[in-house]
Amino acid sequence: MQEVDKKRTDELFDEGTQIDQALKEAVQEALRDHKRAGNPVCAWRDGHIVWIPPEEIPVDEQLH
């Protein structure tokens, strides 16, 4: 990796905003895909793992 690329990568990780946004968008895309396919997802709620049926999967359509 070139020094310029490494510096830019380090800056992205230090700030985190662009990475956080990319992860949020990726999660929303995965949730939409599961919902569209009729597949449940699991989540951690109140100290337990629970299955969320596809019709109850929350998605943020504004991120699409």
N, C-alpha and C. Protein backbone atom coordinates (compact mmCIF):
# COMPACT_ATOMS: atom_id res chain seq x y z
N MET A 1 0.85 -1.17 0.00
CA MET A 1 0.00 0.00 0.00
C MET A 1 0.89 1.23 0.00
N GLN A 2 0.54 2.20 -0.83
CA GLN A 2 1.31 3.43 -0.89
C GLN A 2 1.07 4.25 0.37
N GLU A 3 2.03 5.09 0.69
CA GLU A 3 1.94 5.91 1.92
C GLU A 3 0.71 6.81 1.90
N VAL A 4 0.36 7.38 0.74
CA VAL A 4 -0.80 8.26 0.64
C VAL A 4 -2.08 7.46 0.93
N ASP A 5 -2.18 6.25 0.36
CA ASP A 5 -3.35 5.41 0.59
C ASP A 5 -3.45 5.02 2.06
N LYS A 6 -2.32 4.69 2.67
CA LYS A 6 -2.32 4.29 4.08
C LYS A 6 -2.77 5.45 4.96
N LYS A 7 -2.29 6.65 4.66
CA LYS A 7 -2.68 7.82 5.45
C LYS A 7 -4.18 8.06 5.32
N ARG A 8 -4.72 7.98 4.13
CA ARG A 8 -6.15 8.19 3.91
C ARG A 8 -6.96 7.12 4.66
N THR A 9 -6.53 5.88 4.58
CA THR A 9 -7.21 4.79 5.29
C THR A 9 -7.17 5.02 6.79
N ASP A 10 -6.03 5.41 7.31
CA ASP A 10 -5.90 5.70 8.74
C ASP A 10 -6.85 6.82 9.15
N GLU A 11 -6.94 7.86 8.32
CA GLU A 11 -7.85 8.97 8.62
C GLU A 11 -9.30 8.52 8.64
N LEU A 12 -9.67 7.67 7.68
CA LEU A 12 -11.04 7.17 7.64
C LEU A 12 -11.38 6.38 8.90
N PHE A 13 -10.45 5.53 9.34
CA PHE A 13 -10.69 4.75 10.55
C PHE A 13 -10.70 5.63 11.79
N ASP A 14 -9.83 6.62 11.84
CA ASP A 14 -9.79 7.51 13.00
C ASP A 14 -11.09 8.29 13.14
N GLU A 15 -11.60 8.82 12.03
CA GLU A 15 -12.83 9.59 12.09
C GLU A 15 -14.04 8.66 12.23
N GLY A 16 -14.10 7.63 11.41
CA GLY A 16 -15.13 6.62 11.51
C GLY A 16 -16.47 6.94 10.88
N THR A 17 -16.75 8.19 10.57
CA THR A 17 -18.08 8.57 10.09
C THR A 17 -18.45 7.86 8.79
N GLN A 18 -17.57 7.86 7.81
CA GLN A 18 -17.88 7.21 6.53
C GLN A 18 -18.01 5.70 6.70
N ILE A 19 -17.19 5.13 7.56
CA ILE A 19 -17.27 3.69 7.81
C ILE A 19 -18.57 3.36 8.51
N ASP A 20 -18.93 4.15 9.52
CA ASP A 20 -20.18 3.93 10.23
C ASP A 20 -21.37 4.01 9.27
N GLN A 21 -21.38 4.98 8.39
CA GLN A 21 -22.47 5.13 7.42
C GLN A 21 -22.52 3.95 6.47
N ALA A 22 -21.38 3.50 6.00
CA ALA A 22 -21.35 2.35 5.09
C ALA A 22 -21.88 1.09 5.78
N LEU A 23 -21.51 0.89 7.04
CA LEU A 23 -22.01 -0.27 7.79
C LEU A 23 -23.52 -0.18 8.01
N LYS A 24 -24.01 1.00 8.33
CA LYS A 24 -25.44 1.19 8.54
C LYS A 24 -26.21 0.88 7.26
N GLU A 25 -25.70 1.36 6.13
CA GLU A 25 -26.36 1.10 4.85
C GLU A 25 -26.32 -0.39 4.51
N ALA A 26 -25.21 -1.06 4.80
CA ALA A 26 -25.09 -2.49 4.52
C ALA A 26 -26.07 -3.30 5.37
N VAL A 27 -26.22 -2.93 6.63
CA VAL A 27 -27.18 -3.62 7.51
C VAL A 27 -28.59 -3.42 7.00
N GLN A 28 -28.95 -2.20 6.63
CA GLN A 28 -30.28 -1.93 6.11
C GLN A 28 -30.55 -2.71 4.83
N GLU A 29 -29.55 -2.82 3.98
CA GLU A 29 -29.71 -3.58 2.74
C GLU A 29 -29.95 -5.06 3.06
N ALA A 30 -29.20 -5.60 4.01
CA ALA A 30 -29.38 -7.01 4.40
C ALA A 30 -30.76 -7.22 5.01
N LEU A 31 -31.23 -6.29 5.84
CA LEU A 31 -32.56 -6.41 6.42
C LEU A 31 -33.65 -6.37 5.34
N ARG A 32 -33.49 -5.45 4.38
CA ARG A 32 -34.46 -5.38 3.28
C ARG A 32 -34.47 -6.68 2.48
N ASP A 33 -33.28 -7.23 2.22
CA ASP A 33 -33.19 -8.49 1.47
C ASP A 33 -33.89 -9.62 2.21
N HIS A 34 -33.67 -9.72 3.52
CA HIS A 34 -34.33 -10.76 4.31
C HIS A 34 -35.85 -10.58 4.30
N LYS A 35 -36.28 -9.35 4.49
CA LYS A 35 -37.71 -9.05 4.52
C LYS A 35 -38.34 -9.41 3.18
N ARG A 36 -37.71 -8.98 2.09
CA ARG A 36 -38.21 -9.23 0.73
C ARG A 36 -38.28 -10.73 0.42
N ALA A 37 -37.30 -11.48 0.93
CA ALA A 37 -37.25 -12.93 0.67
C ALA A 37 -38.15 -13.71 1.62
N GLY A 38 -38.70 -13.04 2.63
CA GLY A 38 -39.55 -13.73 3.59
C GLY A 38 -38.78 -14.50 4.64
N ASN A 39 -37.54 -14.09 4.89
CA ASN A 39 -36.70 -14.77 5.87
C ASN A 39 -36.64 -13.98 7.18
N PRO A 40 -36.70 -14.67 8.31
CA PRO A 40 -36.56 -13.97 9.60
C PRO A 40 -35.10 -13.60 9.84
N VAL A 41 -34.88 -12.73 10.81
CA VAL A 41 -33.54 -12.39 11.26
C VAL A 41 -33.51 -12.55 12.78
N CYS A 42 -32.32 -12.74 13.32
CA CYS A 42 -32.22 -12.83 14.78
C CYS A 42 -31.63 -11.52 15.31
N ALA A 43 -32.00 -11.23 16.56
CA ALA A 43 -31.53 -10.01 17.21
C ALA A 43 -31.38 -10.28 18.69
N TRP A 44 -30.67 -9.40 19.37
CA TRP A 44 -30.48 -9.49 20.81
C TRP A 44 -31.45 -8.51 21.47
N ARG A 45 -32.38 -9.03 22.25
CA ARG A 45 -33.36 -8.18 22.94
C ARG A 45 -33.52 -8.64 24.38
N ASP A 46 -33.39 -7.71 25.29
CA ASP A 46 -33.59 -7.99 26.71
C ASP A 46 -32.76 -9.18 27.19
N GLY A 47 -31.53 -9.26 26.71
CA GLY A 47 -30.63 -10.31 27.16
C GLY A 47 -30.85 -11.66 26.52
N HIS A 48 -31.68 -11.72 25.49
CA HIS A 48 -31.96 -12.99 24.82
C HIS A 48 -31.86 -12.83 23.30
N ILE A 49 -31.58 -13.93 22.64
CA ILE A 49 -31.63 -13.96 21.19
C ILE A 49 -33.06 -14.25 20.79
N VAL A 50 -33.60 -13.43 19.90
CA VAL A 50 -34.97 -13.63 19.42
C VAL A 50 -34.98 -13.63 17.89
N TRP A 51 -35.95 -14.34 17.33
CA TRP A 51 -36.15 -14.34 15.88
C TRP A 51 -37.22 -13.32 15.55
N ILE A 52 -36.92 -12.47 14.59
CA ILE A 52 -37.88 -11.46 14.14
C ILE A 52 -38.46 -11.93 12.81
N PRO A 53 -39.78 -12.13 12.76
CA PRO A 53 -40.39 -12.56 11.50
C PRO A 53 -40.25 -11.47 10.44
N PRO A 54 -40.23 -11.87 9.18
CA PRO A 54 -39.99 -10.89 8.11
C PRO A 54 -40.95 -9.70 8.12
N GLU A 55 -42.20 -9.92 8.48
CA GLU A 55 -43.16 -8.82 8.46
C GLU A 55 -42.91 -7.81 9.58
N GLU A 56 -42.07 -8.16 10.55
CA GLU A 56 -41.76 -7.25 11.67
C GLU A 56 -40.34 -6.67 11.58
N ILE A 57 -39.62 -6.99 10.52
CA ILE A 57 -38.25 -6.48 10.38
C ILE A 57 -38.31 -4.98 10.10
N PRO A 58 -37.69 -4.18 10.96
CA PRO A 58 -37.69 -2.73 10.73
C PRO A 58 -36.65 -2.35 9.67
N VAL A 59 -37.06 -1.60 8.68
CA VAL A 59 -36.12 -1.12 7.67
C VAL A 59 -36.29 0.38 7.49
N ASP A 60 -35.22 1.04 7.21
CA ASP A 60 -35.21 2.48 6.96
C ASP A 60 -35.17 2.69 5.45
N GLU A 61 -36.32 2.91 4.85
CA GLU A 61 -36.41 3.06 3.41
C GLU A 61 -35.67 4.29 2.89
N GLN A 62 -35.42 5.27 3.75
CA GLN A 62 -34.71 6.49 3.33
C GLN A 62 -33.26 6.20 2.99
N LEU A 63 -32.70 5.11 3.52
CA LEU A 63 -31.30 4.78 3.22
C LEU A 63 -31.16 4.03 1.91
N HIS A 64 -32.24 3.73 1.25
CA HIS A 64 -32.19 2.93 0.03
C HIS A 64 -31.79 3.73 -1.16
